[in-house]
N, C-alpha and C. Protein backbone atom coordinates (compact mmCIF):
# COMPACT_ATOMS: atom_id res chain seq x y z
N UNK A 1 0.82 -1.19 0.00
CA UNK A 1 0.00 0.00 0.00
C UNK A 1 0.86 1.26 0.00
N UNK A 2 2.03 1.17 0.62
CA UNK A 2 2.91 2.35 0.68
C UNK A 2 3.40 2.73 -0.71
N UNK A 3 3.63 1.74 -1.58
CA UNK A 3 4.13 2.05 -2.91
C UNK A 3 3.05 2.68 -3.79
N UNK A 4 1.82 2.25 -3.60
CA UNK A 4 0.71 2.88 -4.33
C UNK A 4 0.56 4.32 -3.88
N UNK A 5 0.63 4.54 -2.57
CA UNK A 5 0.53 5.89 -2.04
C UNK A 5 1.67 6.77 -2.51
N UNK A 6 2.88 6.21 -2.54
CA UNK A 6 4.03 7.02 -2.98
C UNK A 6 3.94 7.35 -4.46
N UNK A 7 3.50 6.40 -5.28
CA UNK A 7 3.34 6.68 -6.71
C UNK A 7 2.26 7.73 -6.94
N UNK A 8 1.16 7.62 -6.20
CA UNK A 8 0.09 8.60 -6.32
C UNK A 8 0.59 9.98 -5.89
N UNK A 9 1.39 10.05 -4.85
CA UNK A 9 1.92 11.32 -4.38
C UNK A 9 2.87 11.94 -5.40
N UNK A 10 3.71 11.11 -6.02
CA UNK A 10 4.61 11.62 -7.05
C UNK A 10 3.83 12.19 -8.23
N UNK A 11 2.82 11.46 -8.67
CA UNK A 11 2.04 11.93 -9.82
C UNK A 11 1.26 13.19 -9.47
N UNK A 12 0.78 13.29 -8.25
CA UNK A 12 0.08 14.49 -7.81
C UNK A 12 1.04 15.68 -7.77
N UNK A 13 2.28 15.45 -7.31
CA UNK A 13 3.26 16.53 -7.23
C UNK A 13 3.61 17.08 -8.61
N UNK A 14 3.59 16.23 -9.63
CA UNK A 14 3.89 16.66 -10.99
C UNK A 14 2.72 17.41 -11.59
N UNK A 15 1.54 17.21 -11.05
CA UNK A 15 0.37 17.91 -11.55
C UNK A 15 -0.64 17.00 -12.23
N UNK A 16 -0.42 15.71 -12.17
CA UNK A 16 -1.39 14.79 -12.75
C UNK A 16 -2.49 14.53 -11.73
N UNK A 17 -3.62 15.14 -11.93
CA UNK A 17 -4.73 14.98 -11.01
C UNK A 17 -5.73 13.97 -11.54
N UNK A 18 -6.94 14.06 -11.02
CA UNK A 18 -7.99 13.10 -11.38
C UNK A 18 -8.38 13.22 -12.86
N UNK A 19 -8.30 14.40 -13.45
CA UNK A 19 -8.72 14.57 -14.83
C UNK A 19 -7.59 14.43 -15.85
N UNK A 20 -6.43 13.98 -15.41
CA UNK A 20 -5.29 13.88 -16.32
C UNK A 20 -5.36 12.63 -17.18
N UNK A 21 -4.53 12.61 -18.17
CA UNK A 21 -4.49 11.49 -19.11
C UNK A 21 -3.86 10.28 -18.43
N UNK A 22 -4.53 9.14 -18.39
CA UNK A 22 -3.98 7.95 -17.73
C UNK A 22 -2.69 7.44 -18.37
N UNK A 23 -2.50 7.64 -19.65
CA UNK A 23 -1.28 7.18 -20.30
C UNK A 23 -0.05 7.90 -19.75
N UNK A 24 -0.18 9.19 -19.49
CA UNK A 24 0.94 9.95 -18.93
C UNK A 24 1.30 9.42 -17.54
N UNK A 25 0.30 9.11 -16.76
CA UNK A 25 0.55 8.57 -15.42
C UNK A 25 1.22 7.20 -15.50
N UNK A 26 0.76 6.36 -16.41
CA UNK A 26 1.34 5.02 -16.56
C UNK A 26 2.78 5.10 -17.05
N UNK A 27 3.07 5.97 -17.98
CA UNK A 27 4.43 6.11 -18.49
C UNK A 27 5.38 6.61 -17.40
N UNK A 28 4.91 7.56 -16.59
CA UNK A 28 5.72 8.07 -15.50
C UNK A 28 6.05 6.95 -14.52
N UNK A 29 5.09 6.12 -14.21
CA UNK A 29 5.28 5.01 -13.29
C UNK A 29 6.26 3.99 -13.85
N UNK A 30 6.12 3.65 -15.12
CA UNK A 30 7.02 2.68 -15.75
C UNK A 30 8.45 3.20 -15.79
N UNK A 31 8.64 4.45 -16.15
CA UNK A 31 9.98 5.03 -16.21
C UNK A 31 10.61 5.09 -14.83
N UNK A 32 9.84 5.51 -13.82
CA UNK A 32 10.37 5.61 -12.46
C UNK A 32 10.81 4.24 -11.95
N UNK A 33 9.97 3.24 -12.12
CA UNK A 33 10.32 1.90 -11.64
C UNK A 33 11.44 1.28 -12.47
N UNK A 34 11.45 1.54 -13.75
CA UNK A 34 12.52 1.00 -14.60
C UNK A 34 13.87 1.57 -14.23
N UNK A 35 13.94 2.88 -13.99
CA UNK A 35 15.20 3.49 -13.58
C UNK A 35 15.63 2.99 -12.21
N UNK A 36 14.68 2.78 -11.32
CA UNK A 36 15.01 2.25 -10.00
C UNK A 36 15.59 0.84 -10.08
N UNK A 37 15.00 0.00 -10.91
CA UNK A 37 15.51 -1.36 -11.08
C UNK A 37 16.90 -1.35 -11.71
N UNK A 38 17.09 -0.52 -12.72
CA UNK A 38 18.40 -0.44 -13.38
C UNK A 38 19.47 0.05 -12.40
N UNK A 39 19.12 1.02 -11.57
CA UNK A 39 20.06 1.51 -10.55
C UNK A 39 20.42 0.42 -9.55
N UNK A 40 19.44 -0.38 -9.17
CA UNK A 40 19.71 -1.49 -8.25
C UNK A 40 20.64 -2.53 -8.85
N UNK A 41 20.46 -2.81 -10.12
CA UNK A 41 21.34 -3.78 -10.80
C UNK A 41 22.77 -3.25 -10.90
N UNK A 42 22.90 -1.97 -11.24
CA UNK A 42 24.24 -1.37 -11.34
C UNK A 42 24.93 -1.37 -9.98
N UNK A 43 24.18 -1.02 -8.93
CA UNK A 43 24.77 -1.00 -7.59
C UNK A 43 25.18 -2.40 -7.15
N UNK A 44 24.34 -3.40 -7.39
CA UNK A 44 24.67 -4.77 -7.00
C UNK A 44 25.89 -5.28 -7.77
N UNK A 45 25.99 -4.93 -9.05
CA UNK A 45 27.16 -5.34 -9.84
C UNK A 45 28.43 -4.68 -9.32
N UNK A 46 28.34 -3.40 -8.99
CA UNK A 46 29.49 -2.69 -8.46
C UNK A 46 29.93 -3.28 -7.12
N UNK A 47 28.95 -3.54 -6.26
CA UNK A 47 29.26 -4.09 -4.95
C UNK A 47 29.76 -5.53 -5.06
N UNK A 48 29.23 -6.29 -6.00
CA UNK A 48 29.66 -7.66 -6.19
C UNK A 48 31.11 -7.76 -6.63
N UNK A 49 31.57 -6.79 -7.43
CA UNK A 49 32.96 -6.78 -7.85
C UNK A 49 33.91 -6.52 -6.69
N UNK A 50 33.42 -5.80 -5.70
CA UNK A 50 34.24 -5.52 -4.52
C UNK A 50 34.17 -6.68 -3.52
N UNK A 51 33.34 -7.63 -3.78
CA UNK A 51 33.13 -8.82 -2.93
C UNK A 51 32.68 -8.46 -1.52
N UNK A 52 32.01 -7.34 -1.39
CA UNK A 52 31.51 -6.94 -0.09
C UNK A 52 30.12 -7.49 0.20
N UNK A 53 29.40 -7.85 -0.85
CA UNK A 53 28.04 -8.31 -0.66
C UNK A 53 28.00 -9.73 -0.09
N UNK A 54 28.89 -10.58 -0.55
CA UNK A 54 28.89 -11.97 -0.07
C UNK A 54 29.45 -12.10 1.34
N UNK A 55 30.29 -11.17 1.74
CA UNK A 55 30.91 -11.27 3.05
C UNK A 55 29.93 -11.02 4.19
N UNK A 56 28.96 -10.15 3.97
CA UNK A 56 28.03 -9.79 5.04
C UNK A 56 26.64 -9.53 4.47
N UNK A 57 25.90 -10.56 4.08
CA UNK A 57 24.61 -10.36 3.43
C UNK A 57 23.54 -9.73 4.33
N UNK A 58 23.59 -10.00 5.63
CA UNK A 58 22.59 -9.42 6.53
C UNK A 58 22.73 -7.90 6.59
N UNK A 59 23.96 -7.43 6.56
CA UNK A 59 24.20 -5.99 6.57
C UNK A 59 23.58 -5.34 5.34
N UNK A 60 23.81 -5.92 4.15
CA UNK A 60 23.32 -5.31 2.93
C UNK A 60 21.81 -5.45 2.79
N UNK A 61 21.23 -6.48 3.39
CA UNK A 61 19.77 -6.60 3.41
C UNK A 61 19.17 -5.48 4.25
N UNK A 62 19.79 -5.19 5.38
CA UNK A 62 19.33 -4.10 6.24
C UNK A 62 19.51 -2.75 5.56
N UNK A 63 20.66 -2.56 4.91
CA UNK A 63 20.91 -1.30 4.20
C UNK A 63 19.88 -1.10 3.10
N UNK A 64 19.58 -2.15 2.35
CA UNK A 64 18.61 -2.01 1.26
C UNK A 64 17.21 -1.73 1.79
N UNK A 65 16.86 -2.34 2.91
CA UNK A 65 15.54 -2.09 3.50
C UNK A 65 15.41 -0.65 3.98
N UNK A 66 16.44 -0.15 4.62
CA UNK A 66 16.42 1.25 5.08
C UNK A 66 16.39 2.22 3.90
N UNK A 67 17.14 1.92 2.84
CA UNK A 67 17.14 2.79 1.66
C UNK A 67 15.76 2.81 1.00
N UNK A 68 15.12 1.66 0.93
CA UNK A 68 13.78 1.59 0.32
C UNK A 68 12.76 2.36 1.15
N UNK A 69 12.83 2.24 2.47
CA UNK A 69 11.92 2.99 3.34
C UNK A 69 12.15 4.49 3.21
N UNK A 70 13.41 4.92 3.14
CA UNK A 70 13.72 6.34 2.98
C UNK A 70 13.22 6.86 1.63
N UNK A 71 13.40 6.07 0.58
CA UNK A 71 12.93 6.50 -0.75
C UNK A 71 11.41 6.60 -0.79
N UNK A 72 10.72 5.65 -0.18
CA UNK A 72 9.26 5.70 -0.15
C UNK A 72 8.77 6.92 0.63
N UNK A 73 9.43 7.22 1.74
CA UNK A 73 9.06 8.40 2.52
C UNK A 73 9.26 9.68 1.71
N UNK A 74 10.38 9.77 0.98
CA UNK A 74 10.61 10.96 0.15
C UNK A 74 9.56 11.08 -0.95
N UNK A 75 9.16 9.95 -1.54
CA UNK A 75 8.13 9.99 -2.57
C UNK A 75 6.80 10.45 -2.01
N UNK A 76 6.44 9.96 -0.83
CA UNK A 76 5.17 10.35 -0.22
C UNK A 76 5.18 11.82 0.15
N UNK A 77 6.33 12.36 0.53
CA UNK A 77 6.43 13.76 0.93
C UNK A 77 6.57 14.71 -0.26
N UNK A 78 6.74 14.20 -1.47
CA UNK A 78 6.98 15.05 -2.64
C UNK A 78 5.88 16.08 -2.93
N UNK A 79 4.59 15.82 -2.64
CA UNK A 79 3.61 16.89 -2.88
C UNK A 79 3.81 18.13 -2.01
N UNK A 80 4.52 17.99 -0.91
CA UNK A 80 4.76 19.15 -0.06
C UNK A 80 5.74 20.12 -0.70
N UNK A 81 6.66 19.62 -1.51
CA UNK A 81 7.64 20.45 -2.20
C UNK A 81 7.75 19.99 -3.66
N UNK A 82 6.75 20.29 -4.47
CA UNK A 82 6.75 19.77 -5.85
C UNK A 82 7.90 20.31 -6.70
N UNK A 83 8.51 21.39 -6.33
CA UNK A 83 9.64 21.92 -7.08
C UNK A 83 10.86 21.02 -7.03
N UNK A 84 10.93 20.19 -6.01
CA UNK A 84 12.04 19.25 -5.84
C UNK A 84 11.68 17.86 -6.35
N UNK A 85 10.65 17.73 -7.16
CA UNK A 85 10.18 16.43 -7.60
C UNK A 85 11.26 15.63 -8.29
N UNK A 86 12.01 16.24 -9.19
CA UNK A 86 13.04 15.52 -9.92
C UNK A 86 14.20 15.12 -9.03
N UNK A 87 14.43 15.86 -7.96
CA UNK A 87 15.50 15.47 -7.04
C UNK A 87 15.11 14.24 -6.25
N UNK A 88 13.83 14.02 -6.05
CA UNK A 88 13.36 12.86 -5.31
C UNK A 88 13.34 11.71 -6.25
């Protein structure tokens, strides 16, 4: 439910309201999630080359969980400061 709320908040911050075109909202969602997945793959590949991920998997699981919670919180808060939408 938090991810639906965060996506709705992001789209609201950009100005896509109830009367907006659904295709624009869907494209924004696909691009945001696609870039997030690509960033995760690049980070995991970088960390894997350093062999830090295999040495302490519980640490990196905790780090990823905290990062995801922080990102979701920033997305939910984006309507409060829509000028910073792209920074979030």
